Amino acid sequence: MKDRASAGVFPHRRFGKHYRFSREDVAEIVQLTKNAVRPYRGGMRAA
């Protein structure tokens, strides 16, 4: 999450080296990632 925040994809506030996310920021991040395509992480199936 820190990588996306530093890239400007996720809303955030920065205090020194620390990233802070308000409730509104988290709600927006949820909306942004809700429809994102997630890669398949399942293992291989036995035949």
PDB file of N, CA and C in Angstrom:
ATOM      1  N   MET A   1       0.821  -1.175   0.000  1.00  0.00           N
ATOM      2  CA  MET A   1       0.000   0.000   0.000  1.00  0.00           C
ATOM      3  C   MET A   1       0.873   1.250   0.000  1.00  0.00           C
ATOM      4  N   LYS A   2       1.987   1.195   0.694  1.00  0.00           N
ATOM      5  CA  LYS A   2       2.877   2.348   0.774  1.00  0.00           C
ATOM      6  C   LYS A   2       3.408   2.729  -0.603  1.00  0.00           C
ATOM      7  N   ASP A   3       3.683   1.724  -1.453  1.00  0.00           N
ATOM      8  CA  ASP A   3       4.180   2.003  -2.797  1.00  0.00           C
ATOM      9  C   ASP A   3       3.146   2.761  -3.620  1.00  0.00           C
ATOM     10  N   ARG A   4       1.883   2.349  -3.522  1.00  0.00           N
ATOM     11  CA  ARG A   4       0.827   3.023  -4.274  1.00  0.00           C
ATOM     12  C   ARG A   4       0.557   4.420  -3.724  1.00  0.00           C
ATOM     13  N   ALA A   5       0.671   4.580  -2.422  1.00  0.00           N
ATOM     14  CA  ALA A   5       0.484   5.911  -1.835  1.00  0.00           C
ATOM     15  C   ALA A   5       1.595   6.844  -2.303  1.00  0.00           C
ATOM     16  N   SER A   6       2.835   6.379  -2.277  1.00  0.00           N
ATOM     17  CA  SER A   6       3.942   7.238  -2.694  1.00  0.00           C
ATOM     18  C   SER A   6       3.882   7.547  -4.181  1.00  0.00           C
ATOM     19  N   ALA A   7       3.268   6.660  -4.979  1.00  0.00           N
ATOM     20  CA  ALA A   7       3.108   6.901  -6.405  1.00  0.00           C
ATOM     21  C   ALA A   7       1.931   7.827  -6.697  1.00  0.00           C
ATOM     22  N   GLY A   8       1.134   8.150  -5.663  1.00  0.00           N
ATOM     23  CA  GLY A   8       0.013   9.050  -5.841  1.00  0.00           C
ATOM     24  C   GLY A   8      -1.274   8.370  -6.256  1.00  0.00           C
ATOM     25  N   VAL A   9      -1.286   7.033  -6.240  1.00  0.00           N
ATOM     26  CA  VAL A   9      -2.484   6.289  -6.621  1.00  0.00           C
ATOM     27  C   VAL A   9      -3.501   6.304  -5.485  1.00  0.00           C
ATOM     28  N   PHE A  10      -3.048   6.171  -4.245  1.00  0.00           N
ATOM     29  CA  PHE A  10      -3.928   6.151  -3.082  1.00  0.00           C
ATOM     30  C   PHE A  10      -3.827   7.479  -2.342  1.00  0.00           C
ATOM     31  N   PRO A  11      -4.968   8.003  -1.869  1.00  0.00           N
ATOM     32  CA  PRO A  11      -4.919   9.232  -1.070  1.00  0.00           C
ATOM     33  C   PRO A  11      -4.295   8.957   0.297  1.00  0.00           C
ATOM     34  N   HIS A  12      -3.527   9.924   0.796  1.00  0.00           N
ATOM     35  CA  HIS A  12      -2.858   9.739   2.076  1.00  0.00           C
ATOM     36  C   HIS A  12      -2.332  11.072   2.582  1.00  0.00           C
ATOM     37  N   ARG A  13      -1.869  11.081   3.810  1.00  0.00           N
ATOM     38  CA  ARG A  13      -1.142  12.208   4.396  1.00  0.00           C
ATOM     39  C   ARG A  13       0.206  11.650   4.805  1.00  0.00           C
ATOM     40  N   ARG A  14       1.229  12.460   4.680  1.00  0.00           N
ATOM     41  CA  ARG A  14       2.561  11.980   5.052  1.00  0.00           C
ATOM     42  C   ARG A  14       3.129  12.874   6.145  1.00  0.00           C
ATOM     43  N   PHE A  15       3.634  12.255   7.203  1.00  0.00           N
ATOM     44  CA  PHE A  15       4.271  12.947   8.308  1.00  0.00           C
ATOM     45  C   PHE A  15       5.669  12.377   8.453  1.00  0.00           C
ATOM     46  N   GLY A  16       6.645  13.085   7.931  1.00  0.00           N
ATOM     47  CA  GLY A  16       8.010  12.563   7.942  1.00  0.00           C
ATOM     48  C   GLY A  16       8.083  11.321   7.081  1.00  0.00           C
ATOM     49  N   LYS A  17       8.521  10.219   7.663  1.00  0.00           N
ATOM     50  CA  LYS A  17       8.618   8.951   6.935  1.00  0.00           C
ATOM     51  C   LYS A  17       7.331   8.142   7.020  1.00  0.00           C
ATOM     52  N   HIS A  18       6.329   8.631   7.731  1.00  0.00           N
ATOM     53  CA  HIS A  18       5.130   7.860   8.006  1.00  0.00           C
ATOM     54  C   HIS A  18       3.970   8.244   7.089  1.00  0.00           C
ATOM     55  N   TYR A  19       3.258   7.235   6.625  1.00  0.00           N
ATOM     56  CA  TYR A  19       2.065   7.441   5.808  1.00  0.00           C
ATOM     57  C   TYR A  19       0.851   7.273   6.708  1.00  0.00           C
ATOM     58  N   ARG A  20      -0.095   8.206   6.634  1.00  0.00           N
ATOM     59  CA  ARG A  20      -1.321   8.148   7.435  1.00  0.00           C
ATOM     60  C   ARG A  20      -2.521   8.184   6.499  1.00  0.00           C
ATOM     61  N   PHE A  21      -3.538   7.393   6.844  1.00  0.00           N
ATOM     62  CA  PHE A  21      -4.742   7.299   6.037  1.00  0.00           C
ATOM     63  C   PHE A  21      -5.947   7.618   6.906  1.00  0.00           C
ATOM     64  N   SER A  22      -6.725   8.633   6.515  1.00  0.00           N
ATOM     65  CA  SER A  22      -7.932   8.978   7.260  1.00  0.00           C
ATOM     66  C   SER A  22      -9.043   7.991   6.894  1.00  0.00           C
ATOM     67  N   ARG A  23     -10.147   8.060   7.606  1.00  0.00           N
ATOM     68  CA  ARG A  23     -11.293   7.199   7.279  1.00  0.00           C
ATOM     69  C   ARG A  23     -11.763   7.460   5.856  1.00  0.00           C
ATOM     70  N   GLU A  24     -11.764   8.727   5.458  1.00  0.00           N
ATOM     71  CA  GLU A  24     -12.183   9.074   4.105  1.00  0.00           C
ATOM     72  C   GLU A  24     -11.207   8.505   3.069  1.00  0.00           C
ATOM     73  N   ASP A  25      -9.912   8.545   3.392  1.00  0.00           N
ATOM     74  CA  ASP A  25      -8.903   7.963   2.498  1.00  0.00           C
ATOM     75  C   ASP A  25      -9.137   6.471   2.330  1.00  0.00           C
ATOM     76  N   VAL A  26      -9.393   5.778   3.438  1.00  0.00           N
ATOM     77  CA  VAL A  26      -9.605   4.332   3.391  1.00  0.00           C
ATOM     78  C   VAL A  26     -10.861   4.012   2.586  1.00  0.00           C
ATOM     79  N   ALA A  27     -11.928   4.798   2.785  1.00  0.00           N
ATOM     80  CA  ALA A  27     -13.160   4.570   2.022  1.00  0.00           C
ATOM     81  C   ALA A  27     -12.907   4.746   0.526  1.00  0.00           C
ATOM     82  N   GLU A  28     -12.118   5.735   0.156  1.00  0.00           N
ATOM     83  CA  GLU A  28     -11.802   5.958  -1.258  1.00  0.00           C
ATOM     84  C   GLU A  28     -10.922   4.832  -1.810  1.00  0.00           C
ATOM     85  N   ILE A  29      -9.979   4.357  -1.011  1.00  0.00           N
ATOM     86  CA  ILE A  29      -9.120   3.249  -1.438  1.00  0.00           C
ATOM     87  C   ILE A  29      -9.955   1.997  -1.669  1.00  0.00           C
ATOM     88  N   VAL A  30     -10.930   1.750  -0.788  1.00  0.00           N
ATOM     89  CA  VAL A  30     -11.814   0.587  -0.959  1.00  0.00           C
ATOM     90  C   VAL A  30     -12.569   0.706  -2.270  1.00  0.00           C
ATOM     91  N   GLN A  31     -13.088   1.898  -2.569  1.00  0.00           N
ATOM     92  CA  GLN A  31     -13.825   2.098  -3.815  1.00  0.00           C
ATOM     93  C   GLN A  31     -12.910   1.927  -5.026  1.00  0.00           C
ATOM     94  N   LEU A  32     -11.671   2.406  -4.929  1.00  0.00           N
ATOM     95  CA  LEU A  32     -10.728   2.277  -6.041  1.00  0.00           C
ATOM     96  C   LEU A  32     -10.356   0.823  -6.312  1.00  0.00           C
ATOM     97  N   THR A  33     -10.236   0.036  -5.250  1.00  0.00           N
ATOM     98  CA  THR A  33      -9.776  -1.346  -5.410  1.00  0.00           C
ATOM     99  C   THR A  33     -10.927  -2.341  -5.535  1.00  0.00           C
ATOM    100  N   LYS A  34     -12.148  -1.876  -5.320  1.00  0.00           N
ATOM    101  CA  LYS A  34     -13.306  -2.776  -5.353  1.00  0.00           C
ATOM    102  C   LYS A  34     -13.452  -3.462  -6.711  1.00  0.00           C
ATOM    103  N   ASN A  35     -13.265  -2.727  -7.769  1.00  0.00           N
ATOM    104  CA  ASN A  35     -13.443  -3.263  -9.112  1.00  0.00           C
ATOM    105  C   ASN A  35     -12.127  -3.652  -9.787  1.00  0.00           C
ATOM    106  N   ALA A  36     -11.041  -3.583  -9.045  1.00  0.00           N
ATOM    107  CA  ALA A  36      -9.742  -3.926  -9.624  1.00  0.00           C
ATOM    108  C   ALA A  36      -9.681  -5.424  -9.910  1.00  0.00           C
ATOM    109  N   VAL A  37      -9.038  -5.759 -10.995  1.00  0.00           N
ATOM    110  CA  VAL A  37      -8.861  -7.168 -11.354  1.00  0.00           C
ATOM    111  C   VAL A  37      -7.753  -7.733 -10.495  1.00  0.00           C
ATOM    112  N   ARG A  38      -8.048  -8.815  -9.826  1.00  0.00           N
ATOM    113  CA  ARG A  38      -7.051  -9.446  -8.965  1.00  0.00           C
ATOM    114  C   ARG A  38      -6.516 -10.698  -9.659  1.00  0.00           C
ATOM    115  N   PRO A  39      -5.211 -10.891  -9.609  1.00  0.00           N
ATOM    116  CA  PRO A  39      -4.653 -12.076 -10.246  1.00  0.00           C
ATOM    117  C   PRO A  39      -5.068 -13.361  -9.528  1.00  0.00           C
ATOM    118  N   TYR A  40      -5.162 -14.429 -10.274  1.00  0.00           N
ATOM    119  CA  TYR A  40      -5.508 -15.727  -9.708  1.00  0.00           C
ATOM    120  C   TYR A  40      -4.333 -16.215  -8.871  1.00  0.00           C
ATOM    121  N   ARG A  41      -4.590 -16.582  -7.632  1.00  0.00           N
ATOM    122  CA  ARG A  41      -3.518 -17.021  -6.737  1.00  0.00           C
ATOM    123  C   ARG A  41      -3.680 -18.482  -6.341  1.00  0.00           C
ATOM    124  N   GLY A  42      -4.540 -19.197  -7.007  1.00  0.00           N
ATOM    125  CA  GLY A  42      -4.739 -20.601  -6.673  1.00  0.00           C
ATOM    126  C   GLY A  42      -3.551 -21.442  -7.104  1.00  0.00           C
ATOM    127  N   GLY A  43      -3.450 -22.583  -6.505  1.00  0.00           N
ATOM    128  CA  GLY A  43      -2.372 -23.488  -6.860  1.00  0.00           C
ATOM    129  C   GLY A  43      -2.752 -24.346  -8.049  1.00  0.00           C
ATOM    130  N   MET A  44      -1.874 -25.194  -8.424  1.00  0.00           N
ATOM    131  CA  MET A  44      -2.142 -26.094  -9.535  1.00  0.00           C
ATOM    132  C   MET A  44      -3.047 -27.233  -9.062  1.00  0.00           C
ATOM    133  N   ARG A  45      -3.958 -27.613  -9.900  1.00  0.00           N
ATOM    134  CA  ARG A  45      -4.851 -28.708  -9.553  1.00  0.00           C
ATOM    135  C   ARG A  45      -4.255 -30.038  -9.977  1.00  0.00           C
ATOM    136  N   ALA A  46      -4.470 -31.035  -9.143  1.00  0.00           N
ATOM    137  CA  ALA A  46      -4.015 -32.375  -9.491  1.00  0.00           C
ATOM    138  C   ALA A  46      -4.979 -32.967 -10.523  1.00  0.00           C
ATOM    139  N   ALA A  47      -4.433 -33.644 -11.496  1.00  0.00           N
ATOM    140  CA  ALA A  47      -5.274 -34.217 -12.560  1.00  0.00           C
ATOM    141  C   ALA A  47      -5.931 -35.490 -12.117  1.00  0.00           C
TER     142      ALA A  47
END
